[in-house]
Amino acid sequence: MAARKKATKRTTMRSSKGTKLYAVRAADGTFKDIQTYKRAHAADMRRVSKAEAASAPKKKKAAKKKVARKSVAAKKKVARKK
């Protein structure tokens, strides 16, 4: 069985321009990865956790409705009556 990957803790900081950043530190305290908060947060929101997926009700696939098309003759017949 594969070992579970521990989630990395991210620190929020601001750049010199004022942009909010996420900084991931290595075990020795140096910066391992720096991401913009906007992109990292958006990626987090798109991702569905295993707990959310397990608790969510199963969605049924909607059956496609067949649209009955009128024949050309039927359309002309309706047009003549008007």
Protein backbone atom coordinates (compact mmCIF):
# COMPACT_ATOMS: atom_id res chain seq x y z
CA MET A 1 0.00 0.00 0.00
CA ALA A 2 1.35 3.44 -0.88
CA ALA A 3 2.25 5.79 1.92
CA ARG A 4 0.03 8.85 2.32
CA LYS A 5 1.65 12.10 1.34
CA LYS A 6 1.56 14.65 4.14
CA ALA A 7 0.14 18.03 3.14
CA THR A 8 2.76 20.77 3.19
CA LYS A 9 2.14 23.80 5.34
CA ARG A 10 2.19 27.08 3.47
CA THR A 11 2.97 30.48 4.92
CA THR A 12 1.27 33.57 3.51
CA MET A 13 3.46 36.58 2.81
CA ARG A 14 3.49 39.63 0.56
CA SER A 15 5.91 40.48 -2.22
CA SER A 16 7.58 43.89 -2.52
CA LYS A 17 4.79 44.87 -4.95
CA GLY A 18 2.13 43.84 -2.44
CA THR A 19 1.02 40.61 -4.12
CA LYS A 20 -0.04 37.94 -1.64
CA LEU A 21 2.13 34.81 -1.81
CA TYR A 22 2.20 31.28 -0.46
CA ALA A 23 5.66 30.13 0.61
CA VAL A 24 6.45 26.47 1.25
CA ARG A 25 9.50 25.88 3.40
CA ALA A 26 11.82 22.87 3.40
CA ALA A 27 12.75 21.08 6.62
CA ASP A 28 15.85 23.29 7.06
CA GLY A 29 13.75 26.48 6.82
CA THR A 30 14.72 27.57 3.31
CA PHE A 31 12.05 28.36 0.75
CA LYS A 32 11.18 25.27 -1.23
CA ASP A 33 8.42 26.77 -3.40
CA ILE A 34 6.77 30.17 -3.73
CA GLN A 35 3.39 30.56 -5.45
CA THR A 36 1.01 33.44 -5.91
CA TYR A 37 -1.93 33.15 -3.53
CA LYS A 38 -4.45 33.74 -6.32
CA ARG A 39 -3.31 30.78 -8.45
CA ALA A 40 -2.69 28.41 -5.55
CA HIS A 41 -6.03 29.17 -3.92
CA ALA A 42 -7.91 28.73 -7.22
CA ALA A 43 -6.23 25.33 -7.72
CA ASP A 44 -7.21 24.31 -4.17
CA MET A 45 -10.83 25.28 -4.78
CA ARG A 46 -11.00 23.27 -8.04
CA ARG A 47 -9.69 20.15 -6.32
CA VAL A 48 -12.19 17.90 -4.53
CA SER A 49 -10.92 16.12 -1.43
CA LYS A 50 -11.48 12.41 -0.88
CA ALA A 51 -13.75 13.19 2.09
CA GLU A 52 -15.92 15.53 0.00
CA ALA A 53 -16.12 13.02 -2.84
CA ALA A 54 -17.14 10.21 -0.47
CA SER A 55 -19.86 12.23 1.26
CA ALA A 56 -21.32 13.75 -1.91
CA PRO A 57 -24.41 11.97 -3.27
CA LYS A 58 -23.92 10.13 -6.52
CA LYS A 59 -25.21 12.10 -9.49
CA LYS A 60 -27.34 10.27 -12.00
CA LYS A 61 -26.52 10.84 -15.60
CA ALA A 62 -29.30 12.76 -17.26
CA ALA A 63 -30.82 10.87 -20.14
CA LYS A 64 -30.73 12.79 -23.36
CA LYS A 65 -34.17 13.52 -24.69
CA LYS A 66 -34.75 12.81 -28.32
CA VAL A 67 -36.19 15.77 -30.09
CA ALA A 68 -38.84 14.71 -32.57
CA ARG A 69 -38.24 16.50 -35.82
CA LYS A 70 -41.13 17.33 -38.04
CA SER A 71 -40.81 16.22 -41.60
CA VAL A 72 -40.72 18.80 -44.36
CA ALA A 73 -44.18 17.70 -45.56
CA ALA A 74 -45.67 18.18 -42.07
CA LYS A 75 -44.14 21.68 -41.84
CA LYS A 76 -45.64 22.64 -45.22
CA LYS A 77 -49.02 21.29 -44.14
CA VAL A 78 -48.99 23.44 -40.99
CA ALA A 79 -47.87 26.47 -43.00
CA ARG A 80 -50.78 26.03 -45.48
CA LYS A 81 -53.37 25.97 -42.69
CA LYS A 82 -52.31 29.41 -41.44
